[in-house]
């Protein structure tokens, strides 16, 4: 049986540790905390063609709040089902 992920709270404090660690919010959204204190939002997904796990950066914590990261995740969750990867979407937006 799959484990149920408890959603993160906006005021939840995550302090740096000796190693990188991640806090899961659900739907592939992770908050990665580095030893130097940097906190970044990561979207973890399975690539539609290679079937391998990939990570796509969404932004850094002070610049992107939890609500914005969740909104982007909702968009990104539907992309692999359509045969498009989140990393490709970012490239299309830049060019």
PDB file of N, CA and C in Angstrom:
ATOM      1  N   UNK A   1       0.838  -1.173   0.000  1.00  0.00           N
ATOM      2  CA  UNK A   1       0.000   0.000   0.000  1.00  0.00           C
ATOM      3  C   UNK A   1       0.886   1.240   0.000  1.00  0.00           C
ATOM      4  N   UNK A   2       0.522   2.251  -0.778  1.00  0.00           N
ATOM      5  CA  UNK A   2       1.322   3.465  -0.900  1.00  0.00           C
ATOM      6  C   UNK A   2       1.245   4.299   0.372  1.00  0.00           C
ATOM      7  N   UNK A   3       2.328   4.964   0.646  1.00  0.00           N
ATOM      8  CA  UNK A   3       2.386   5.824   1.812  1.00  0.00           C
ATOM      9  C   UNK A   3       1.729   7.164   1.482  1.00  0.00           C
ATOM     10  N   UNK A   4       0.947   7.712   2.392  1.00  0.00           N
ATOM     11  CA  UNK A   4       0.287   8.994   2.179  1.00  0.00           C
ATOM     12  C   UNK A   4       1.231  10.099   2.631  1.00  0.00           C
ATOM     13  N   UNK A   5       1.454  11.074   1.746  1.00  0.00           N
ATOM     14  CA  UNK A   5       2.335  12.189   2.048  1.00  0.00           C
ATOM     15  C   UNK A   5       1.542  13.289   2.731  1.00  0.00           C
ATOM     16  N   UNK A   6       2.041  13.751   3.871  1.00  0.00           N
ATOM     17  CA  UNK A   6       1.422  14.879   4.548  1.00  0.00           C
ATOM     18  C   UNK A   6       1.838  16.158   3.839  1.00  0.00           C
ATOM     19  N   UNK A   7       0.891  17.022   3.449  1.00  0.00           N
ATOM     20  CA  UNK A   7       1.263  18.256   2.767  1.00  0.00           C
ATOM     21  C   UNK A   7       2.054  19.184   3.687  1.00  0.00           C
ATOM     22  N   UNK A   8       2.916  19.976   3.066  1.00  0.00           N
ATOM     23  CA  UNK A   8       3.697  20.953   3.816  1.00  0.00           C
ATOM     24  C   UNK A   8       2.803  22.125   4.212  1.00  0.00           C
ATOM     25  N   UNK A   9       3.185  22.798   5.279  1.00  0.00           N
ATOM     26  CA  UNK A   9       2.487  23.998   5.709  1.00  0.00           C
ATOM     27  C   UNK A   9       3.335  25.207   5.345  1.00  0.00           C
ATOM     28  N   UNK A  10       2.716  26.335   4.996  1.00  0.00           N
ATOM     29  CA  UNK A  10       3.497  27.516   4.610  1.00  0.00           C
ATOM     30  C   UNK A  10       4.467  27.988   5.690  1.00  0.00           C
ATOM     31  N   UNK A  11       4.132  27.766   6.961  1.00  0.00           N
ATOM     32  CA  UNK A  11       4.999  28.257   8.026  1.00  0.00           C
ATOM     33  C   UNK A  11       5.947  27.183   8.558  1.00  0.00           C
ATOM     34  N   UNK A  12       5.943  26.011   7.920  1.00  0.00           N
ATOM     35  CA  UNK A  12       6.790  24.918   8.389  1.00  0.00           C
ATOM     36  C   UNK A  12       8.260  25.305   8.261  1.00  0.00           C
ATOM     37  N   UNK A  13       9.018  25.115   9.341  1.00  0.00           N
ATOM     38  CA  UNK A  13      10.429  25.483   9.364  1.00  0.00           C
ATOM     39  C   UNK A  13      11.266  24.271   8.980  1.00  0.00           C
ATOM     40  N   UNK A  14      12.182  24.479   8.050  1.00  0.00           N
ATOM     41  CA  UNK A  14      13.100  23.414   7.655  1.00  0.00           C
ATOM     42  C   UNK A  14      14.512  23.946   7.824  1.00  0.00           C
ATOM     43  N   UNK A  15      15.230  23.374   8.755  1.00  0.00           N
ATOM     44  CA  UNK A  15      16.577  23.848   9.062  1.00  0.00           C
ATOM     45  C   UNK A  15      17.608  23.008   8.324  1.00  0.00           C
ATOM     46  N   UNK A  16      18.744  23.621   7.945  1.00  0.00           N
ATOM     47  CA  UNK A  16      19.796  22.864   7.260  1.00  0.00           C
ATOM     48  C   UNK A  16      20.380  21.779   8.156  1.00  0.00           C
ATOM     49  N   UNK A  17      20.759  20.679   7.522  1.00  0.00           N
ATOM     50  CA  UNK A  17      21.414  19.574   8.220  1.00  0.00           C
ATOM     51  C   UNK A  17      22.760  19.326   7.560  1.00  0.00           C
ATOM     52  N   UNK A  18      23.434  18.250   7.939  1.00  0.00           N
ATOM     53  CA  UNK A  18      24.751  17.938   7.385  1.00  0.00           C
ATOM     54  C   UNK A  18      24.694  17.593   5.902  1.00  0.00           C
ATOM     55  N   UNK A  19      23.583  17.058   5.436  1.00  0.00           N
ATOM     56  CA  UNK A  19      23.437  16.627   4.043  1.00  0.00           C
ATOM     57  C   UNK A  19      22.181  17.240   3.436  1.00  0.00           C
ATOM     58  N   UNK A  20      22.081  17.144   2.098  1.00  0.00           N
ATOM     59  CA  UNK A  20      20.847  17.543   1.414  1.00  0.00           C
ATOM     60  C   UNK A  20      19.715  16.641   1.881  1.00  0.00           C
ATOM     61  N   UNK A  21      18.540  17.216   2.055  1.00  0.00           N
ATOM     62  CA  UNK A  21      17.361  16.399   2.322  1.00  0.00           C
ATOM     63  C   UNK A  21      16.152  17.062   1.683  1.00  0.00           C
ATOM     64  N   UNK A  22      15.113  16.282   1.479  1.00  0.00           N
ATOM     65  CA  UNK A  22      13.920  16.776   0.799  1.00  0.00           C
ATOM     66  C   UNK A  22      12.688  16.548   1.657  1.00  0.00           C
ATOM     67  N   UNK A  23      11.767  17.491   1.575  1.00  0.00           N
ATOM     68  CA  UNK A  23      10.470  17.370   2.221  1.00  0.00           C
ATOM     69  C   UNK A  23       9.424  17.285   1.117  1.00  0.00           C
ATOM     70  N   UNK A  24       8.617  16.249   1.132  1.00  0.00           N
ATOM     71  CA  UNK A  24       7.617  16.047   0.088  1.00  0.00           C
ATOM     72  C   UNK A  24       6.300  16.714   0.413  1.00  0.00           C
ATOM     73  N   UNK A  25       5.643  17.252  -0.622  1.00  0.00           N
ATOM     74  CA  UNK A  25       4.338  17.880  -0.459  1.00  0.00           C
ATOM     75  C   UNK A  25       3.248  17.079  -1.159  1.00  0.00           C
ATOM     76  N   UNK A  26       3.623  16.182  -2.047  1.00  0.00           N
ATOM     77  CA  UNK A  26       2.650  15.410  -2.811  1.00  0.00           C
ATOM     78  C   UNK A  26       2.679  15.820  -4.276  1.00  0.00           C
ATOM     79  N   UNK A  27       2.218  14.942  -5.151  1.00  0.00           N
ATOM     80  CA  UNK A  27       2.198  15.172  -6.602  1.00  0.00           C
ATOM     81  C   UNK A  27       3.577  15.456  -7.173  1.00  0.00           C
ATOM     82  N   UNK A  28       4.627  14.974  -6.539  1.00  0.00           N
ATOM     83  CA  UNK A  28       5.977  15.152  -7.058  1.00  0.00           C
ATOM     84  C   UNK A  28       6.658  16.432  -6.625  1.00  0.00           C
ATOM     85  N   UNK A  29       6.012  17.259  -5.817  1.00  0.00           N
ATOM     86  CA  UNK A  29       6.606  18.515  -5.355  1.00  0.00           C
ATOM     87  C   UNK A  29       7.463  18.253  -4.124  1.00  0.00           C
ATOM     88  N   UNK A  30       8.732  18.686  -4.194  1.00  0.00           N
ATOM     89  CA  UNK A  30       9.669  18.513  -3.092  1.00  0.00           C
ATOM     90  C   UNK A  30      10.310  19.844  -2.739  1.00  0.00           C
ATOM     91  N   UNK A  31      10.589  20.044  -1.462  1.00  0.00           N
ATOM     92  CA  UNK A  31      11.396  21.171  -1.011  1.00  0.00           C
ATOM     93  C   UNK A  31      12.757  20.598  -0.656  1.00  0.00           C
ATOM     94  N   UNK A  32      13.781  20.942  -1.429  1.00  0.00           N
ATOM     95  CA  UNK A  32      15.131  20.443  -1.179  1.00  0.00           C
ATOM     96  C   UNK A  32      15.878  21.465  -0.332  1.00  0.00           C
ATOM     97  N   UNK A  33      16.408  20.998   0.809  1.00  0.00           N
ATOM     98  CA  UNK A  33      17.156  21.854   1.725  1.00  0.00           C
ATOM     99  C   UNK A  33      18.613  21.427   1.686  1.00  0.00           C
ATOM    100  N   UNK A  34      19.496  22.390   1.404  1.00  0.00           N
ATOM    101  CA  UNK A  34      20.927  22.105   1.311  1.00  0.00           C
ATOM    102  C   UNK A  34      21.623  22.499   2.611  1.00  0.00           C
ATOM    103  N   UNK A  35      22.830  21.972   2.858  1.00  0.00           N
ATOM    104  CA  UNK A  35      23.541  22.277   4.101  1.00  0.00           C
ATOM    105  C   UNK A  35      23.838  23.767   4.292  1.00  0.00           C
ATOM    106  N   UNK A  36      23.972  24.525   3.201  1.00  0.00           N
ATOM    107  CA  UNK A  36      24.254  25.957   3.339  1.00  0.00           C
ATOM    108  C   UNK A  36      22.991  26.776   3.607  1.00  0.00           C
ATOM    109  N   UNK A  37      21.831  26.126   3.679  1.00  0.00           N
ATOM    110  CA  UNK A  37      20.584  26.802   4.003  1.00  0.00           C
ATOM    111  C   UNK A  37      19.716  27.137   2.806  1.00  0.00           C
ATOM    112  N   UNK A  38      20.193  26.884   1.595  1.00  0.00           N
ATOM    113  CA  UNK A  38      19.413  27.153   0.392  1.00  0.00           C
ATOM    114  C   UNK A  38      18.245  26.174   0.302  1.00  0.00           C
ATOM    115  N   UNK A  39      17.064  26.718   0.025  1.00  0.00           N
ATOM    116  CA  UNK A  39      15.864  25.888  -0.106  1.00  0.00           C
ATOM    117  C   UNK A  39      15.287  26.109  -1.493  1.00  0.00           C
ATOM    118  N   UNK A  40      15.092  25.015  -2.227  1.00  0.00           N
ATOM    119  CA  UNK A  40      14.577  25.138  -3.587  1.00  0.00           C
ATOM    120  C   UNK A  40      13.455  24.136  -3.823  1.00  0.00           C
ATOM    121  N   UNK A  41      12.512  24.538  -4.679  1.00  0.00           N
ATOM    122  CA  UNK A  41      11.392  23.679  -5.040  1.00  0.00           C
ATOM    123  C   UNK A  41      11.778  22.825  -6.231  1.00  0.00           C
ATOM    124  N   UNK A  42      11.520  21.528  -6.141  1.00  0.00           N
ATOM    125  CA  UNK A  42      11.855  20.561  -7.178  1.00  0.00           C
ATOM    126  C   UNK A  42      10.587  19.784  -7.544  1.00  0.00           C
ATOM    127  N   UNK A  43      10.391  19.564  -8.848  1.00  0.00           N
ATOM    128  CA  UNK A  43       9.301  18.704  -9.308  1.00  0.00           C
ATOM    129  C   UNK A  43       9.914  17.401  -9.788  1.00  0.00           C
ATOM    130  N   UNK A  44       9.552  16.287  -9.160  1.00  0.00           N
ATOM    131  CA  UNK A  44      10.072  14.966  -9.498  1.00  0.00           C
ATOM    132  C   UNK A  44       9.017  14.239 -10.330  1.00  0.00           C
ATOM    133  N   UNK A  45       9.431  13.748 -11.513  1.00  0.00           N
ATOM    134  CA  UNK A  45       8.489  13.105 -12.422  1.00  0.00           C
ATOM    135  C   UNK A  45       9.183  11.985 -13.190  1.00  0.00           C
ATOM    136  N   UNK A  46       8.401  11.185 -13.889  1.00  0.00           N
ATOM    137  CA  UNK A  46       8.933  10.142 -14.760  1.00  0.00           C
ATOM    138  C   UNK A  46       8.846  10.659 -16.190  1.00  0.00           C
ATOM    139  N   UNK A  47       9.989  10.688 -16.881  1.00  0.00           N
ATOM    140  CA  UNK A  47      10.040  11.203 -18.247  1.00  0.00           C
ATOM    141  C   UNK A  47       9.174  10.329 -19.150  1.00  0.00           C
ATOM    142  N   UNK A  48       8.353  10.945 -20.021  1.00  0.00           N
ATOM    143  CA  UNK A  48       7.405  10.151 -20.816  1.00  0.00           C
ATOM    144  C   UNK A  48       8.042   9.195 -21.818  1.00  0.00           C
ATOM    145  N   UNK A  49       9.220   9.513 -22.351  1.00  0.00           N
ATOM    146  CA  UNK A  49       9.815   8.625 -23.355  1.00  0.00           C
ATOM    147  C   UNK A  49      10.865   7.692 -22.769  1.00  0.00           C
ATOM    148  N   UNK A  50      11.708   8.193 -21.861  1.00  0.00           N
ATOM    149  CA  UNK A  50      12.776   7.356 -21.312  1.00  0.00           C
ATOM    150  C   UNK A  50      12.327   6.534 -20.112  1.00  0.00           C
ATOM    151  N   UNK A  51      11.198   6.905 -19.512  1.00  0.00           N
ATOM    152  CA  UNK A  51      10.644   6.222 -18.331  1.00  0.00           C
ATOM    153  C   UNK A  51      11.594   6.262 -17.131  1.00  0.00           C
ATOM    154  N   UNK A  52      12.458   7.273 -17.074  1.00  0.00           N
ATOM    155  CA  UNK A  52      13.369   7.438 -15.943  1.00  0.00           C
ATOM    156  C   UNK A  52      12.913   8.617 -15.094  1.00  0.00           C
ATOM    157  N   UNK A  53      13.248   8.554 -13.802  1.00  0.00           N
ATOM    158  CA  UNK A  53      12.915   9.657 -12.902  1.00  0.00           C
ATOM    159  C   UNK A  53      13.779  10.865 -13.219  1.00  0.00           C
ATOM    160  N   UNK A  54      13.157  12.035 -13.249  1.00  0.00           N
ATOM    161  CA  UNK A  54      13.859  13.285 -13.518  1.00  0.00           C
ATOM    162  C   UNK A  54      13.418  14.322 -12.497  1.00  0.00           C
ATOM    163  N   UNK A  55      14.259  15.312 -12.279  1.00  0.00           N
ATOM    164  CA  UNK A  55      13.927  16.443 -11.425  1.00  0.00           C
ATOM    165  C   UNK A  55      13.942  17.710 -12.256  1.00  0.00           C
ATOM    166  N   UNK A  56      12.989  18.576 -12.006  1.00  0.00           N
ATOM    167  CA  UNK A  56      12.926  19.864 -12.680  1.00  0.00           C
ATOM    168  C   UNK A  56      12.805  20.935 -11.608  1.00  0.00           C
ATOM    169  N   UNK A  57      13.719  21.897 -11.618  1.00  0.00           N
ATOM    170  CA  UNK A  57      13.694  22.969 -10.633  1.00  0.00           C
ATOM    171  C   UNK A  57      12.568  23.948 -10.912  1.00  0.00           C
ATOM    172  N   UNK A  58      11.865  24.337  -9.861  1.00  0.00           N
ATOM    173  CA  UNK A  58      10.765  25.289 -10.002  1.00  0.00           C
ATOM    174  C   UNK A  58      11.141  26.679  -9.516  1.00  0.00           C
ATOM    175  N   UNK A  59      12.063  26.765  -8.574  1.00  0.00           N
ATOM    176  CA  UNK A  59      12.454  28.065  -8.043  1.00  0.00           C
ATOM    177  C   UNK A  59      13.001  27.941  -6.634  1.00  0.00           C
ATOM    178  N   UNK A  60      13.483  29.063  -6.132  1.00  0.00           N
ATOM    179  CA  UNK A  60      14.074  29.126  -4.796  1.00  0.00           C
ATOM    180  C   UNK A  60      13.015  29.640  -3.828  1.00  0.00           C
ATOM    181  N   UNK A  61      13.079  29.181  -2.589  1.00  0.00           N
ATOM    182  CA  UNK A  61      12.020  29.446  -1.611  1.00  0.00           C
ATOM    183  C   UNK A  61      11.685  30.920  -1.383  1.00  0.00           C
ATOM    184  N   UNK A  62      12.602  31.827  -1.146  1.00  0.00           N
ATOM    185  CA  UNK A  62      12.117  33.192  -0.903  1.00  0.00           C
ATOM    186  C   UNK A  62      11.415  33.799  -2.121  1.00  0.00           C
ATOM    187  N   UNK A  63      11.846  33.419  -3.318  1.00  0.00           N
ATOM    188  CA  UNK A  63      11.249  33.975  -4.533  1.00  0.00           C
ATOM    189  C   UNK A  63       9.933  33.297  -4.893  1.00  0.00           C
ATOM    190  N   UNK A  64       9.812  32.024  -4.589  1.00  0.00           N
ATOM    191  CA  UNK A  64       8.598  31.278  -4.922  1.00  0.00           C
ATOM    192  C   UNK A  64       8.019  30.681  -3.645  1.00  0.00           C
ATOM    193  N   UNK A  65       6.801  31.078  -3.329  1.00  0.00           N
ATOM    194  CA  UNK A  65       6.156  30.578  -2.118  1.00  0.00           C
ATOM    195  C   UNK A  65       5.493  29.230  -2.399  1.00  0.00           C
ATOM    196  N   UNK A  66       5.030  28.593  -1.358  1.00  0.00           N
ATOM    197  CA  UNK A  66       4.433  27.259  -1.460  1.00  0.00           C
ATOM    198  C   UNK A  66       3.239  27.235  -2.412  1.00  0.00           C
ATOM    199  N   UNK A  67       2.391  28.242  -2.352  1.00  0.00           N
ATOM    200  CA  UNK A  67       1.201  28.270  -3.212  1.00  0.00           C
ATOM    201  C   UNK A  67       1.583  28.325  -4.688  1.00  0.00           C
ATOM    202  N   UNK A  68       2.593  29.113  -5.033  1.00  0.00           N
ATOM    203  CA  UNK A  68       3.041  29.210  -6.431  1.00  0.00           C
ATOM    204  C   UNK A  68       3.646  27.896  -6.900  1.00  0.00           C
ATOM    205  N   UNK A  69       4.419  27.256  -6.030  1.00  0.00           N
ATOM    206  CA  UNK A  69       5.026  25.969  -6.381  1.00  0.00           C
ATOM    207  C   UNK A  69       3.945  24.919  -6.617  1.00  0.00           C
ATOM    208  N   UNK A  70       2.891  24.939  -5.818  1.00  0.00           N
ATOM    209  CA  UNK A  70       1.790  23.990  -6.005  1.00  0.00           C
ATOM    210  C   UNK A  70       1.062  24.248  -7.327  1.00  0.00           C
ATOM    211  N   UNK A  71       0.884  25.516  -7.697  1.00  0.00           N
ATOM    212  CA  UNK A  71       0.230  25.843  -8.971  1.00  0.00           C
ATOM    213  C   UNK A  71       1.037  25.310 -10.150  1.00  0.00           C
ATOM    214  N   UNK A  72       2.362  25.512 -10.112  1.00  0.00           N
ATOM    215  CA  UNK A  72       3.214  25.007 -11.186  1.00  0.00           C
ATOM    216  C   UNK A  72       3.174  23.485 -11.242  1.00  0.00           C
ATOM    217  N   UNK A  73       3.129  22.844 -10.087  1.00  0.00           N
ATOM    218  CA  UNK A  73       3.093  21.385 -10.032  1.00  0.00           C
ATOM    219  C   UNK A  73       1.829  20.847 -10.694  1.00  0.00           C
ATOM    220  N   UNK A  74       0.697  21.502 -10.477  1.00  0.00           N
ATOM    221  CA  UNK A  74      -0.557  21.067 -11.099  1.00  0.00           C
ATOM    222  C   UNK A  74      -0.420  21.098 -12.619  1.00  0.00           C
ATOM    223  N   UNK A  75       0.231  22.127 -13.155  1.00  0.00           N
ATOM    224  CA  UNK A  75       0.450  22.220 -14.601  1.00  0.00           C
ATOM    225  C   UNK A  75       1.399  21.119 -15.057  1.00  0.00           C
ATOM    226  N   UNK A  76       2.508  20.941 -14.322  1.00  0.00           N
ATOM    227  CA  UNK A  76       3.529  19.976 -14.721  1.00  0.00           C
ATOM    228  C   UNK A  76       3.054  18.533 -14.613  1.00  0.00           C
ATOM    229  N   UNK A  77       2.136  18.239 -13.691  1.00  0.00           N
ATOM    230  CA  UNK A  77       1.648  16.862 -13.522  1.00  0.00           C
ATOM    231  C   UNK A  77       0.935  16.392 -14.789  1.00  0.00           C
ATOM    232  N   UNK A  78       0.241  17.285 -15.478  1.00  0.00           N
ATOM    233  CA  UNK A  78      -0.507  16.895 -16.680  1.00  0.00           C
ATOM    234  C   UNK A  78       0.393  16.746 -17.907  1.00  0.00           C
ATOM    235  N   UNK A  79       1.591  17.331 -17.912  1.00  0.00           N
ATOM    236  CA  UNK A  79       2.463  17.291 -19.089  1.00  0.00           C
ATOM    237  C   UNK A  79       2.932  15.896 -19.476  1.00  0.00           C
ATOM    238  N   UNK A  80       3.474  15.075 -18.558  1.00  0.00           N
ATOM    239  CA  UNK A  80       3.930  13.744 -18.977  1.00  0.00           C
ATOM    240  C   UNK A  80       2.811  12.891 -19.561  1.00  0.00           C
ATOM    241  N   UNK A  81       1.588  13.103 -19.123  1.00  0.00           N
ATOM    242  CA  UNK A  81       0.461  12.351 -19.680  1.00  0.00           C
ATOM    243  C   UNK A  81       0.212  12.744 -21.131  1.00  0.00           C
ATOM    244  N   UNK A  82       0.538  13.995 -21.470  1.00  0.00           N
ATOM    245  CA  UNK A  82       0.359  14.472 -22.845  1.00  0.00           C
ATOM    246  C   UNK A  82       1.576  14.163 -23.708  1.00  0.00           C
ATOM    247  N   UNK A  83       2.601  13.531 -23.128  1.00  0.00           N
ATOM    248  CA  UNK A  83       3.791  13.172 -23.889  1.00  0.00           C
ATOM    249  C   UNK A  83       4.833  14.266 -23.930  1.00  0.00           C
ATOM    250  N   UNK A  84       4.726  15.256 -23.057  1.00  0.00           N
ATOM    251  CA  UNK A  84       5.673  16.363 -23.025  1.00  0.00           C
ATOM    252  C   UNK A  84       6.319  16.400 -21.646  1.00  0.00           C
ATOM    253  N   UNK A  85       7.594  16.715 -21.590  1.00  0.00           N
ATOM    254  CA  UNK A  85       8.310  16.764 -20.319  1.00  0.00           C
ATOM    255  C   UNK A  85       8.347  18.204 -19.808  1.00  0.00           C
ATOM    256  N   UNK A  86       8.335  18.420 -18.483  1.00  0.00           N
ATOM    257  CA  UNK A  86       8.413  19.769 -17.928  1.00  0.00           C
ATOM    258  C   UNK A  86       9.653  20.534 -18.380  1.00  0.00           C
ATOM    259  N   UNK A  87      10.773  19.835 -18.556  1.00  0.00           N
ATOM    260  CA  UNK A  87      11.986  20.521 -18.992  1.00  0.00           C
ATOM    261  C   UNK A  87      11.821  21.067 -20.409  1.00  0.00           C
ATOM    262  N   UNK A  88      11.079  20.364 -21.265  1.00  0.00           N
ATOM    263  CA  UNK A  88      10.816  20.846 -22.621  1.00  0.00           C
ATOM    264  C   UNK A  88       9.908  22.066 -22.602  1.00  0.00           C
ATOM    265  N   UNK A  89       8.954  22.101 -21.681  1.00  0.00           N
ATOM    266  CA  UNK A  89       8.063  23.249 -21.571  1.00  0.00           C
ATOM    267  C   UNK A  89       8.852  24.503 -21.225  1.00  0.00           C
ATOM    268  N   UNK A  90       9.819  24.365 -20.326  1.00  0.00           N
ATOM    269  CA  UNK A  90      10.634  25.508 -19.942  1.00  0.00           C
ATOM    270  C   UNK A  90      11.447  26.018 -21.127  1.00  0.00           C
ATOM    271  N   UNK A  91      11.975  25.111 -21.953  1.00  0.00           N
ATOM    272  CA  UNK A  91      12.734  25.511 -23.133  1.00  0.00           C
ATOM    273  C   UNK A  91      11.846  26.236 -24.140  1.00  0.00           C
ATOM    274  N   UNK A  92      10.610  25.776 -24.309  1.00  0.00           N
ATOM    275  CA  UNK A  92       9.690  26.427 -25.239  1.00  0.00           C
ATOM    276  C   UNK A  92       9.348  27.837 -24.777  1.00  0.00           C
ATOM    277  N   UNK A  93       9.234  28.037 -23.458  1.00  0.00           N
ATOM    278  CA  UNK A  93       8.896  29.356 -22.923  1.00  0.00           C
ATOM    279  C   UNK A  93      10.049  30.339 -23.098  1.00  0.00           C
ATOM    280  N   UNK A  94      11.285  29.863 -23.038  1.00  0.00           N
ATOM    281  CA  UNK A  94      12.451  30.731 -23.161  1.00  0.00           C
ATOM    282  C   UNK A  94      12.628  31.186 -24.597  1.00  0.00           C
ATOM    283  N   UNK A  95      12.396  30.288 -25.562  1.00  0.00           N
ATOM    284  CA  UNK A  95      12.639  30.626 -26.974  1.00  0.00           C
ATOM    285  C   UNK A  95      11.437  31.177 -27.658  1.00  0.00           C
TER     286      UNK A  95
END
